N, C-alpha and C. Protein backbone atom coordinates (compact mmCIF):
# COMPACT_ATOMS: atom_id res chain seq x y z
N MET A 1 -10.08 -46.19 0.86
CA MET A 1 -8.92 -45.23 0.66
C MET A 1 -9.32 -43.91 1.07
N PRO A 2 -8.52 -43.21 1.98
CA PRO A 2 -8.96 -42.02 2.57
C PRO A 2 -8.72 -40.86 1.39
N TYR A 3 -9.69 -39.91 1.68
CA TYR A 3 -9.71 -38.75 0.74
C TYR A 3 -8.55 -37.85 1.03
N ARG A 4 -7.64 -37.50 0.09
CA ARG A 4 -6.63 -36.58 0.24
C ARG A 4 -6.69 -35.40 -0.88
N PRO A 5 -7.11 -34.33 -0.28
CA PRO A 5 -7.17 -33.31 -1.19
C PRO A 5 -5.85 -32.86 -1.81
N SER A 6 -5.99 -32.65 -3.23
CA SER A 6 -4.69 -32.27 -3.95
C SER A 6 -4.38 -30.79 -3.59
N THR A 7 -3.09 -30.65 -3.29
CA THR A 7 -2.71 -29.16 -3.19
C THR A 7 -2.11 -28.69 -4.32
N PRO A 8 -2.36 -27.32 -4.53
CA PRO A 8 -1.87 -26.78 -5.90
C PRO A 8 -0.34 -26.75 -5.72
N ALA A 9 0.27 -26.75 -6.94
CA ALA A 9 1.83 -26.57 -6.91
C ALA A 9 2.39 -25.40 -6.10
N HIS A 10 1.66 -24.19 -6.23
CA HIS A 10 2.15 -22.97 -5.67
C HIS A 10 1.79 -22.83 -4.20
N ALA A 11 1.24 -23.97 -3.61
CA ALA A 11 0.90 -23.81 -2.24
C ALA A 11 2.05 -23.75 -1.40
N SER A 12 3.06 -24.27 -1.71
CA SER A 12 4.44 -24.21 -1.08
C SER A 12 5.53 -23.53 -1.63
N ASP A 13 5.24 -22.77 -2.80
CA ASP A 13 6.16 -21.95 -3.52
C ASP A 13 6.92 -20.82 -2.64
N PRO A 14 8.16 -21.04 -2.51
CA PRO A 14 8.84 -20.11 -1.68
C PRO A 14 9.05 -18.71 -2.33
N ALA A 15 8.87 -18.65 -3.75
CA ALA A 15 8.83 -17.29 -4.29
C ALA A 15 7.57 -16.55 -3.99
N CYS A 16 6.45 -17.23 -4.07
CA CYS A 16 5.20 -16.62 -3.66
C CYS A 16 5.25 -16.13 -2.20
N TRP A 17 5.78 -16.89 -1.30
CA TRP A 17 5.79 -16.60 0.03
C TRP A 17 6.66 -15.30 0.23
N MET A 18 7.80 -15.38 -0.37
CA MET A 18 8.63 -14.12 -0.39
C MET A 18 8.00 -12.88 -0.94
N LEU A 19 7.30 -12.94 -2.02
CA LEU A 19 6.66 -11.70 -2.54
C LEU A 19 5.54 -11.27 -1.64
N ILE A 20 4.81 -12.12 -1.03
CA ILE A 20 3.81 -11.64 -0.01
C ILE A 20 4.46 -10.99 1.08
N PHE A 21 5.41 -11.65 1.57
CA PHE A 21 6.21 -11.09 2.78
C PHE A 21 6.88 -9.76 2.43
N ILE A 22 7.32 -9.56 1.28
CA ILE A 22 7.84 -8.10 0.93
C ILE A 22 6.78 -7.21 0.87
N ALA A 23 5.48 -7.64 0.24
CA ALA A 23 4.50 -6.60 0.28
C ALA A 23 4.01 -6.28 1.76
N TRP A 24 3.95 -7.28 2.55
CA TRP A 24 3.59 -7.00 3.94
C TRP A 24 4.63 -6.14 4.68
N LEU A 25 5.88 -6.35 4.48
CA LEU A 25 6.90 -5.62 5.07
C LEU A 25 6.72 -4.09 4.70
N ILE A 26 6.53 -3.81 3.40
CA ILE A 26 6.27 -2.51 2.96
C ILE A 26 5.01 -1.93 3.49
N ALA A 27 3.99 -2.60 3.56
CA ALA A 27 2.73 -2.13 4.12
C ALA A 27 2.80 -1.91 5.73
N ALA A 28 3.48 -2.72 6.34
CA ALA A 28 3.70 -2.54 7.73
C ALA A 28 4.53 -1.32 8.11
N SER A 29 5.69 -1.19 7.32
CA SER A 29 6.51 -0.04 7.54
C SER A 29 5.75 1.34 7.17
N SER A 30 5.01 1.33 6.06
CA SER A 30 4.19 2.41 5.73
C SER A 30 3.13 2.77 6.76
N THR A 31 2.60 1.78 7.27
CA THR A 31 1.62 1.98 8.38
C THR A 31 2.18 2.58 9.63
N LEU A 32 3.41 1.93 10.05
CA LEU A 32 4.07 2.53 11.22
C LEU A 32 4.53 3.83 10.85
N GLY A 33 5.06 4.14 9.73
CA GLY A 33 5.55 5.60 9.32
C GLY A 33 4.37 6.54 9.50
N ALA A 34 3.19 6.21 8.93
CA ALA A 34 2.04 7.07 8.95
C ALA A 34 1.62 7.38 10.35
N LEU A 35 1.64 6.36 11.20
CA LEU A 35 1.26 6.58 12.59
C LEU A 35 2.30 7.35 13.24
N PHE A 36 3.68 7.14 12.89
CA PHE A 36 4.73 7.92 13.69
C PHE A 36 4.60 9.46 13.31
N PHE A 37 4.30 9.78 11.93
CA PHE A 37 4.22 11.12 11.52
C PHE A 37 2.93 11.81 12.15
N GLY A 38 1.81 11.00 12.13
CA GLY A 38 0.61 11.67 12.76
C GLY A 38 0.57 11.81 14.25
N GLU A 39 1.11 10.75 14.91
CA GLU A 39 0.67 10.63 16.40
C GLU A 39 1.99 11.22 17.09
N VAL A 40 3.16 10.93 16.65
CA VAL A 40 4.50 11.27 17.44
C VAL A 40 4.92 12.55 16.98
N MET A 41 4.96 12.82 15.63
CA MET A 41 5.53 14.06 15.12
C MET A 41 4.44 15.06 15.13
N GLY A 42 3.20 14.74 15.30
CA GLY A 42 2.05 15.86 15.46
C GLY A 42 1.66 16.47 14.12
N MET A 43 1.90 15.62 12.97
CA MET A 43 1.56 16.24 11.69
C MET A 43 0.20 15.60 11.31
N PRO A 44 -0.80 16.55 11.51
CA PRO A 44 -2.09 15.88 11.14
C PRO A 44 -2.39 15.49 9.64
N PRO A 45 -2.93 14.17 9.40
CA PRO A 45 -3.04 13.73 8.06
C PRO A 45 -4.13 14.73 7.35
N CYS A 46 -4.00 14.89 6.04
CA CYS A 46 -5.01 15.55 5.17
C CYS A 46 -6.07 14.57 4.83
N THR A 47 -6.98 15.15 4.02
CA THR A 47 -8.11 14.10 3.56
C THR A 47 -7.57 13.16 2.77
N LEU A 48 -6.68 13.52 1.82
CA LEU A 48 -6.16 12.48 0.78
C LEU A 48 -5.26 11.51 1.54
N CYS A 49 -4.52 11.89 2.63
CA CYS A 49 -3.76 11.05 3.50
C CYS A 49 -4.72 10.06 4.18
N TRP A 50 -5.86 10.40 4.63
CA TRP A 50 -6.80 9.47 5.32
C TRP A 50 -7.23 8.49 4.21
N TYR A 51 -7.60 8.81 2.91
CA TYR A 51 -7.93 7.83 2.03
C TYR A 51 -6.97 6.75 1.75
N GLN A 52 -5.65 7.34 1.75
CA GLN A 52 -4.47 6.40 1.48
C GLN A 52 -4.34 5.46 2.64
N ARG A 53 -4.52 6.00 3.93
CA ARG A 53 -4.46 5.08 5.09
C ARG A 53 -5.45 4.08 5.18
N ILE A 54 -6.69 4.42 4.53
CA ILE A 54 -7.82 3.50 4.48
C ILE A 54 -7.49 2.31 3.62
N PHE A 55 -6.50 2.48 2.62
CA PHE A 55 -6.26 1.36 1.71
C PHE A 55 -4.98 0.71 2.16
N MET A 56 -3.99 1.30 3.00
CA MET A 56 -2.88 0.86 3.37
C MET A 56 -2.98 0.02 4.67
N PHE A 57 -3.63 0.36 5.65
CA PHE A 57 -3.79 -0.28 6.89
C PHE A 57 -4.36 -1.66 6.81
N PRO A 58 -5.52 -2.03 6.05
CA PRO A 58 -5.76 -3.24 6.05
C PRO A 58 -4.76 -4.25 5.37
N LEU A 59 -3.87 -3.72 4.41
CA LEU A 59 -2.92 -4.58 3.92
C LEU A 59 -1.88 -4.90 4.85
N ALA A 60 -1.53 -4.16 5.92
CA ALA A 60 -0.69 -4.60 6.90
C ALA A 60 -1.34 -5.64 7.84
N ILE A 61 -2.48 -5.75 7.87
CA ILE A 61 -3.16 -6.64 8.70
C ILE A 61 -3.48 -8.00 8.13
N PHE A 62 -3.99 -8.09 6.82
CA PHE A 62 -4.23 -9.31 6.29
C PHE A 62 -3.20 -10.02 5.40
N LEU A 63 -2.20 -9.22 5.04
CA LEU A 63 -1.10 -10.04 4.23
C LEU A 63 -0.25 -10.94 4.94
N PRO A 64 -0.10 -10.64 6.37
CA PRO A 64 0.70 -11.71 6.97
C PRO A 64 -0.38 -12.87 7.36
N LEU A 65 -1.51 -12.73 7.30
CA LEU A 65 -2.39 -13.88 7.41
C LEU A 65 -2.34 -14.82 6.27
N ALA A 66 -1.88 -14.36 5.21
CA ALA A 66 -1.74 -15.13 3.95
C ALA A 66 -0.55 -15.94 4.10
N LEU A 67 0.39 -15.73 4.83
CA LEU A 67 1.72 -16.39 4.90
C LEU A 67 1.74 -17.71 5.60
N PHE A 68 0.73 -17.94 6.61
CA PHE A 68 0.78 -19.18 7.30
C PHE A 68 -0.65 -19.67 7.45
N PRO A 69 -0.98 -20.60 6.79
CA PRO A 69 -0.22 -21.13 5.64
C PRO A 69 -0.32 -20.22 4.37
N LEU A 70 0.48 -20.57 3.49
CA LEU A 70 0.58 -19.63 2.26
C LEU A 70 -0.85 -19.86 1.54
N ASP A 71 -1.25 -18.69 1.22
CA ASP A 71 -2.38 -18.51 0.48
C ASP A 71 -2.26 -17.36 -0.54
N THR A 72 -2.07 -17.86 -1.85
CA THR A 72 -1.68 -16.81 -3.02
C THR A 72 -2.91 -16.20 -3.42
N LYS A 73 -4.12 -16.70 -3.06
CA LYS A 73 -5.26 -15.98 -3.40
C LYS A 73 -5.49 -14.66 -2.84
N VAL A 74 -4.51 -14.27 -1.86
CA VAL A 74 -4.61 -13.02 -1.30
C VAL A 74 -4.44 -11.90 -2.14
N ALA A 75 -3.69 -12.20 -3.28
CA ALA A 75 -3.42 -11.21 -4.33
C ALA A 75 -4.71 -10.76 -4.97
N ARG A 76 -5.73 -11.53 -5.02
CA ARG A 76 -7.02 -11.29 -5.71
C ARG A 76 -7.57 -10.09 -4.84
N TYR A 77 -7.58 -10.10 -3.51
CA TYR A 77 -8.10 -9.16 -2.59
C TYR A 77 -7.37 -7.99 -2.31
N ALA A 78 -6.01 -8.24 -2.12
CA ALA A 78 -5.12 -7.21 -1.83
C ALA A 78 -4.68 -6.36 -2.85
N LEU A 79 -4.58 -6.83 -4.26
CA LEU A 79 -4.21 -6.02 -5.36
C LEU A 79 -5.07 -4.91 -5.61
N PRO A 80 -6.31 -5.09 -5.70
CA PRO A 80 -7.30 -3.93 -5.87
C PRO A 80 -7.13 -2.92 -4.77
N LEU A 81 -6.97 -3.23 -3.56
CA LEU A 81 -6.82 -2.23 -2.60
C LEU A 81 -5.50 -1.43 -2.86
N ALA A 82 -4.31 -2.17 -3.13
CA ALA A 82 -3.19 -1.40 -3.43
C ALA A 82 -3.27 -0.52 -4.78
N LEU A 83 -3.97 -0.94 -5.71
CA LEU A 83 -4.07 -0.19 -6.89
C LEU A 83 -4.95 1.09 -6.68
N ILE A 84 -5.97 0.89 -5.85
CA ILE A 84 -6.92 2.14 -5.51
C ILE A 84 -5.98 3.15 -4.58
N GLY A 85 -5.31 2.61 -3.77
CA GLY A 85 -4.49 3.39 -2.70
C GLY A 85 -3.39 4.10 -3.82
N LEU A 86 -2.77 3.48 -4.77
CA LEU A 86 -1.92 4.01 -5.71
C LEU A 86 -2.54 5.16 -6.43
N GLY A 87 -3.82 4.95 -6.83
CA GLY A 87 -4.51 6.06 -7.50
C GLY A 87 -4.70 7.43 -6.67
N PHE A 88 -4.91 7.23 -5.30
CA PHE A 88 -5.09 8.31 -4.34
C PHE A 88 -3.75 8.97 -4.16
N ALA A 89 -2.60 8.09 -4.12
CA ALA A 89 -1.40 8.58 -3.90
C ALA A 89 -0.80 9.49 -5.06
N VAL A 90 -1.10 8.92 -6.24
CA VAL A 90 -0.65 9.60 -7.43
C VAL A 90 -1.40 10.99 -7.54
N PHE A 91 -2.75 10.92 -7.33
CA PHE A 91 -3.52 12.21 -7.36
C PHE A 91 -2.91 13.12 -6.33
N HIS A 92 -2.53 12.73 -5.06
CA HIS A 92 -1.99 13.57 -4.02
C HIS A 92 -0.68 14.18 -4.47
N TRP A 93 0.19 13.27 -5.11
CA TRP A 93 1.54 13.65 -5.44
C TRP A 93 1.38 14.80 -6.64
N PHE A 94 0.51 14.54 -7.55
CA PHE A 94 0.33 15.53 -8.68
C PHE A 94 -0.25 16.82 -8.16
N LEU A 95 -1.06 16.79 -7.11
CA LEU A 95 -1.53 17.93 -6.60
C LEU A 95 -0.63 18.79 -5.87
N GLN A 96 0.48 18.17 -5.10
CA GLN A 96 1.60 18.62 -4.59
C GLN A 96 2.47 19.30 -5.70
N LEU A 97 2.63 18.71 -6.68
CA LEU A 97 3.61 19.08 -7.72
C LEU A 97 3.00 20.23 -8.56
N GLY A 98 1.76 20.48 -8.35
CA GLY A 98 1.02 21.45 -9.27
C GLY A 98 0.51 21.16 -10.64
N PHE A 99 0.44 19.82 -10.89
CA PHE A 99 -0.07 19.29 -12.06
C PHE A 99 -1.46 19.35 -12.15
N ILE A 100 -2.07 19.31 -11.08
CA ILE A 100 -3.56 19.32 -10.67
C ILE A 100 -3.84 20.79 -9.98
N SER A 101 -4.97 21.35 -10.37
CA SER A 101 -5.20 22.58 -9.68
C SER A 101 -5.52 22.36 -8.23
N PRO A 102 -5.12 23.35 -7.45
CA PRO A 102 -5.54 23.14 -5.77
C PRO A 102 -6.99 23.30 -5.63
N SER A 103 -7.77 23.84 -6.57
CA SER A 103 -9.26 23.90 -6.43
C SER A 103 -9.84 22.39 -6.63
N ALA A 104 -9.10 21.50 -7.16
CA ALA A 104 -9.50 20.17 -7.24
C ALA A 104 -9.22 19.33 -5.79
N SER A 105 -8.62 20.06 -5.01
CA SER A 105 -8.34 19.31 -3.74
C SER A 105 -9.63 19.08 -2.90
N PRO A 106 -9.66 17.90 -2.28
CA PRO A 106 -10.65 17.56 -1.49
C PRO A 106 -10.62 18.18 -0.17
N CYS A 107 -9.49 18.73 0.27
CA CYS A 107 -9.37 19.31 1.61
C CYS A 107 -10.23 20.50 1.78
N ALA A 108 -11.23 20.44 2.72
CA ALA A 108 -11.99 21.57 2.93
C ALA A 108 -11.61 22.39 4.33
N GLN A 109 -11.13 21.71 5.26
CA GLN A 109 -10.56 22.29 6.51
C GLN A 109 -9.53 21.49 7.05
N GLY A 110 -8.87 22.03 7.98
CA GLY A 110 -7.61 21.41 8.52
C GLY A 110 -6.39 21.45 7.74
N SER A 111 -5.53 20.53 7.61
CA SER A 111 -4.38 20.70 6.88
C SER A 111 -4.64 20.48 5.39
N SER A 112 -3.88 21.22 4.48
CA SER A 112 -4.14 21.24 3.17
C SER A 112 -3.43 20.12 2.38
N CYS A 113 -4.11 19.53 1.53
CA CYS A 113 -3.56 18.31 0.56
C CYS A 113 -2.55 18.96 -0.37
N SER A 114 -2.69 20.17 -0.70
CA SER A 114 -1.58 20.63 -1.72
C SER A 114 -0.31 21.17 -1.19
N GLU A 115 -0.23 21.42 0.09
CA GLU A 115 0.89 21.95 0.82
C GLU A 115 1.92 20.81 1.12
N VAL A 116 3.21 21.20 0.88
CA VAL A 116 4.27 20.15 1.37
C VAL A 116 4.67 20.49 2.69
N GLU A 117 4.17 19.43 3.66
CA GLU A 117 4.60 19.74 5.10
C GLU A 117 5.95 19.19 5.34
N ALA A 118 6.43 18.16 4.78
CA ALA A 118 7.79 17.64 4.95
C ALA A 118 8.38 17.17 3.66
N GLU A 119 9.70 17.45 3.59
CA GLU A 119 10.48 17.15 2.45
C GLU A 119 11.87 16.71 2.71
N TRP A 120 12.38 15.65 2.19
CA TRP A 120 13.70 15.11 2.42
C TRP A 120 14.37 15.02 1.17
N PHE A 121 15.80 15.45 1.12
CA PHE A 121 16.63 15.30 -0.02
C PHE A 121 16.16 16.29 -1.18
N GLY A 122 15.28 17.07 -0.76
CA GLY A 122 14.93 18.16 -1.83
C GLY A 122 13.75 17.68 -2.78
N PHE A 123 13.39 16.33 -2.57
CA PHE A 123 12.37 15.82 -3.61
C PHE A 123 11.35 14.93 -2.97
N LEU A 124 11.74 14.15 -1.88
CA LEU A 124 11.06 13.18 -1.24
C LEU A 124 9.87 13.68 -0.17
N THR A 125 8.74 13.57 -0.81
CA THR A 125 7.63 14.13 0.12
C THR A 125 6.74 12.83 0.45
N MET A 126 5.92 13.03 1.45
CA MET A 126 5.06 11.87 1.92
C MET A 126 4.22 11.23 0.79
N PRO A 127 3.63 12.01 -0.01
CA PRO A 127 2.80 11.46 -1.21
C PRO A 127 3.67 10.69 -2.13
N LEU A 128 4.92 11.08 -2.35
CA LEU A 128 5.81 10.35 -3.29
C LEU A 128 6.18 9.08 -2.54
N MET A 129 6.47 8.98 -1.22
CA MET A 129 6.71 7.78 -0.49
C MET A 129 5.56 6.93 -0.47
N SER A 130 4.36 7.49 -0.61
CA SER A 130 3.16 6.75 -0.57
C SER A 130 3.01 6.10 -1.91
N VAL A 131 3.34 6.84 -2.97
CA VAL A 131 3.29 6.28 -4.41
C VAL A 131 4.19 5.17 -4.49
N CYS A 132 5.55 5.18 -4.10
CA CYS A 132 6.52 4.19 -4.12
C CYS A 132 6.02 2.99 -3.32
N ALA A 133 5.45 3.16 -2.12
CA ALA A 133 4.97 1.98 -1.28
C ALA A 133 3.83 1.25 -2.07
N PHE A 134 2.95 1.93 -2.49
CA PHE A 134 1.69 1.25 -3.10
C PHE A 134 2.16 0.76 -4.53
N ALA A 135 3.16 1.28 -5.21
CA ALA A 135 3.69 0.71 -6.40
C ALA A 135 4.35 -0.58 -6.18
N LEU A 136 5.17 -0.66 -5.10
CA LEU A 136 6.04 -1.74 -4.86
C LEU A 136 5.09 -2.93 -4.32
N ILE A 137 3.96 -2.51 -3.54
CA ILE A 137 3.08 -3.52 -3.09
C ILE A 137 2.43 -4.09 -4.29
N SER A 138 1.87 -3.26 -5.20
CA SER A 138 1.18 -3.85 -6.30
C SER A 138 2.00 -4.62 -7.18
N ILE A 139 3.27 -4.39 -7.44
CA ILE A 139 4.21 -5.14 -8.21
C ILE A 139 4.40 -6.61 -7.58
N SER A 140 4.66 -6.58 -6.23
CA SER A 140 4.69 -7.79 -5.42
C SER A 140 3.50 -8.59 -5.71
N LEU A 141 2.38 -8.04 -5.46
CA LEU A 141 1.14 -8.78 -5.50
C LEU A 141 0.79 -9.32 -6.92
N PHE A 142 1.00 -8.52 -7.91
CA PHE A 142 0.87 -8.79 -9.28
C PHE A 142 1.80 -10.05 -9.61
N ALA A 143 3.04 -10.01 -9.15
CA ALA A 143 3.96 -11.15 -9.34
C ALA A 143 3.54 -12.54 -8.67
N THR A 144 2.89 -12.21 -7.51
CA THR A 144 2.43 -13.43 -6.65
C THR A 144 1.17 -13.91 -7.46
N PHE A 145 0.31 -13.15 -8.08
CA PHE A 145 -0.88 -13.53 -8.81
C PHE A 145 -0.35 -14.28 -9.99
N VAL A 146 0.62 -13.74 -10.80
CA VAL A 146 1.08 -14.54 -11.91
C VAL A 146 1.80 -15.76 -11.58
N GLN A 147 2.55 -15.70 -10.60
CA GLN A 147 3.42 -16.93 -10.12
C GLN A 147 2.40 -18.00 -9.66
N GLY A 148 1.34 -17.50 -9.00
CA GLY A 148 0.31 -18.57 -8.55
C GLY A 148 -0.47 -19.20 -9.64
N LYS A 149 -0.69 -18.58 -10.84
CA LYS A 149 -1.26 -19.04 -11.92
C LYS A 149 -0.50 -20.23 -12.59
N LYS A 150 0.72 -20.22 -12.46
CA LYS A 150 1.65 -21.25 -13.08
C LYS A 150 1.34 -22.61 -12.52
């Protein structure tokens, strides 16, 4: 009798596939947006922006690799990246809002982390967009993790 490895029930779960796809879509659009603002619009990233890029760009690369074939274990590796990036984004957002003293800013030279360089609709800044992106990615990956455990 030939050996047939058993496949877990979540290996073909369309809900898990969709959650990882949504996380990748957010990561890819955030990566392209960061590159557009930096390279096309000529807005140099500050130190905190670089840290956020360090945690966002790998998500845009390896999340689609988990889609074909579906690998729900990617949440184990991607969720910590998204949560650390969320921490940097929240710190950056609070720094711009003035909740954190500008003296705590890691920016030594170049563009300042505490300055608002671009703002849309009177409230939407790049750190806030980063907070939203990392939070949505984290929620999608956490839901994938929970769905994969079933």
